[in-house]
Amino acid sequence: MDKFLTCYDYGTGGIWRYVFAESAQEIVTKYPELEVVDLVPEWMDQNVINSLNELTIDVNDNNDEFLNAVVNERNKSQGI
């Protein structure tokens, strides 16, 4: 598995996470709301990166609070 930097853009900001997955495509297929970012943004300093490393999640972790919130928001917007 590789580690990918992702961003969940909620309109007025974004939530960043590193996600372990086989590929970037695996992430966007399962969570189309997440954008996989190729380059670390210039504003992201080492302290932010270290914090994100501590929050790294697995794309297949069905119990992850962040990923569950993304799915819940998707379901809400779809009226599910």
C-alpha atoms as a PDB file:
ATOM      1  CA  MET A   1       0.000   0.000   0.000  1.00  0.00           C
ATOM      2  CA  ASP A   2       1.059   3.560  -0.657  1.00  0.00           C
ATOM      3  CA  LYS A   3       0.260   6.735   1.265  1.00  0.00           C
ATOM      4  CA  PHE A   4      -1.614   9.512  -0.557  1.00  0.00           C
ATOM      5  CA  LEU A   5      -2.345  13.072   0.535  1.00  0.00           C
ATOM      6  CA  THR A   6      -6.047  13.848   0.223  1.00  0.00           C
ATOM      7  CA  CYS A   7      -8.298  16.834   0.741  1.00  0.00           C
ATOM      8  CA  TYR A   8     -12.011  16.900   1.483  1.00  0.00           C
ATOM      9  CA  ASP A   9     -13.154  20.315   0.254  1.00  0.00           C
ATOM     10  CA  TYR A  10     -16.355  21.312   2.047  1.00  0.00           C
ATOM     11  CA  GLY A  11     -16.752  24.691   0.382  1.00  0.00           C
ATOM     12  CA  THR A  12     -15.299  27.084   2.929  1.00  0.00           C
ATOM     13  CA  GLY A  13     -12.202  25.027   3.648  1.00  0.00           C
ATOM     14  CA  GLY A  14     -10.761  21.573   3.486  1.00  0.00           C
ATOM     15  CA  ILE A  15      -9.884  18.634   5.682  1.00  0.00           C
ATOM     16  CA  TRP A  16      -6.557  17.038   4.859  1.00  0.00           C
ATOM     17  CA  ARG A  17      -5.627  13.428   5.551  1.00  0.00           C
ATOM     18  CA  TYR A  18      -3.036  10.918   4.446  1.00  0.00           C
ATOM     19  CA  VAL A  19      -4.738   7.748   3.241  1.00  0.00           C
ATOM     20  CA  PHE A  20      -3.165   4.323   2.710  1.00  0.00           C
ATOM     21  CA  ALA A  21      -4.448   2.683  -0.471  1.00  0.00           C
ATOM     22  CA  GLU A  22      -3.303   0.542  -3.378  1.00  0.00           C
ATOM     23  CA  SER A  23      -3.765   3.517  -5.727  1.00  0.00           C
ATOM     24  CA  ALA A  24      -5.159   7.020  -5.955  1.00  0.00           C
ATOM     25  CA  GLN A  25      -7.941   5.558  -8.096  1.00  0.00           C
ATOM     26  CA  GLU A  26      -8.972   3.256  -5.255  1.00  0.00           C
ATOM     27  CA  ILE A  27      -9.472   6.300  -3.027  1.00  0.00           C
ATOM     28  CA  VAL A  28     -11.517   8.373  -5.486  1.00  0.00           C
ATOM     29  CA  THR A  29     -13.581   5.351  -6.490  1.00  0.00           C
ATOM     30  CA  LYS A  30     -14.577   4.612  -2.902  1.00  0.00           C
ATOM     31  CA  TYR A  31     -14.655   8.259  -1.761  1.00  0.00           C
ATOM     32  CA  PRO A  32     -15.238  10.528  -4.787  1.00  0.00           C
ATOM     33  CA  GLU A  33     -15.488  13.499  -2.408  1.00  0.00           C
ATOM     34  CA  LEU A  34     -11.768  13.241  -1.681  1.00  0.00           C
ATOM     35  CA  GLU A  35      -9.216  14.835  -3.960  1.00  0.00           C
ATOM     36  CA  VAL A  36      -5.842  13.108  -4.144  1.00  0.00           C
ATOM     37  CA  VAL A  37      -3.119  15.758  -4.191  1.00  0.00           C
ATOM     38  CA  ASP A  38       0.162  15.034  -5.986  1.00  0.00           C
ATOM     39  CA  LEU A  39       2.266  17.753  -4.373  1.00  0.00           C
ATOM     40  CA  VAL A  40       2.278  18.933  -0.784  1.00  0.00           C
ATOM     41  CA  PRO A  41       0.961  22.543  -0.814  1.00  0.00           C
ATOM     42  CA  GLU A  42       3.578  25.223  -0.081  1.00  0.00           C
ATOM     43  CA  TRP A  43       1.670  26.463   2.977  1.00  0.00           C
ATOM     44  CA  MET A  44       1.865  23.012   4.593  1.00  0.00           C
ATOM     45  CA  ASP A  45       4.865  23.140   6.917  1.00  0.00           C
ATOM     46  CA  GLN A  46       6.561  20.215   8.651  1.00  0.00           C
ATOM     47  CA  ASN A  47       4.406  20.625  11.790  1.00  0.00           C
ATOM     48  CA  VAL A  48       1.228  20.217   9.737  1.00  0.00           C
ATOM     49  CA  ILE A  49       2.688  17.242   7.894  1.00  0.00           C
ATOM     50  CA  ASN A  50       3.665  15.628  11.199  1.00  0.00           C
ATOM     51  CA  SER A  51       0.132  16.138  12.522  1.00  0.00           C
ATOM     52  CA  LEU A  52      -1.346  14.617   9.366  1.00  0.00           C
ATOM     53  CA  ASN A  53       0.989  11.638   9.646  1.00  0.00           C
ATOM     54  CA  GLU A  54      -0.514  10.926  13.064  1.00  0.00           C
ATOM     55  CA  LEU A  55      -3.998  10.928  11.484  1.00  0.00           C
ATOM     56  CA  THR A  56      -3.151   8.618   8.559  1.00  0.00           C
ATOM     57  CA  ILE A  57      -6.024   6.273   7.756  1.00  0.00           C
ATOM     58  CA  ASP A  58      -6.565   3.174   5.643  1.00  0.00           C
ATOM     59  CA  VAL A  59      -9.013   3.464   2.744  1.00  0.00           C
ATOM     60  CA  ASN A  60     -10.593   0.174   3.882  1.00  0.00           C
ATOM     61  CA  ASP A  61     -11.103   1.185   7.519  1.00  0.00           C
ATOM     62  CA  ASN A  62     -14.886   1.104   7.750  1.00  0.00           C
ATOM     63  CA  ASN A  63     -14.727   2.316  11.355  1.00  0.00           C
ATOM     64  CA  ASP A  64     -12.769   5.505  10.677  1.00  0.00           C
ATOM     65  CA  GLU A  65     -14.649   8.550  11.977  1.00  0.00           C
ATOM     66  CA  PHE A  66     -13.503  10.857   9.149  1.00  0.00           C
ATOM     67  CA  LEU A  67     -14.367   8.447   6.328  1.00  0.00           C
ATOM     68  CA  ASN A  68     -17.731   7.670   7.940  1.00  0.00           C
ATOM     69  CA  ALA A  69     -18.477  11.409   8.129  1.00  0.00           C
ATOM     70  CA  VAL A  70     -17.698  11.744   4.405  1.00  0.00           C
ATOM     71  CA  VAL A  71     -20.119   8.915   3.593  1.00  0.00           C
ATOM     72  CA  ASN A  72     -22.792  10.314   5.945  1.00  0.00           C
ATOM     73  CA  GLU A  73     -22.530  13.716   4.255  1.00  0.00           C
ATOM     74  CA  ARG A  74     -22.820  12.047   0.827  1.00  0.00           C
ATOM     75  CA  ASN A  75     -25.913  10.136   1.944  1.00  0.00           C
ATOM     76  CA  LYS A  76     -27.478  13.300   3.366  1.00  0.00           C
ATOM     77  CA  SER A  77     -26.942  15.199   0.117  1.00  0.00           C
ATOM     78  CA  GLN A  78     -28.491  12.287  -1.805  1.00  0.00           C
ATOM     79  CA  GLY A  79     -31.472  12.085   0.542  1.00  0.00           C
ATOM     80  CA  ILE A  80     -30.527   8.633   1.801  1.00  0.00           C
END
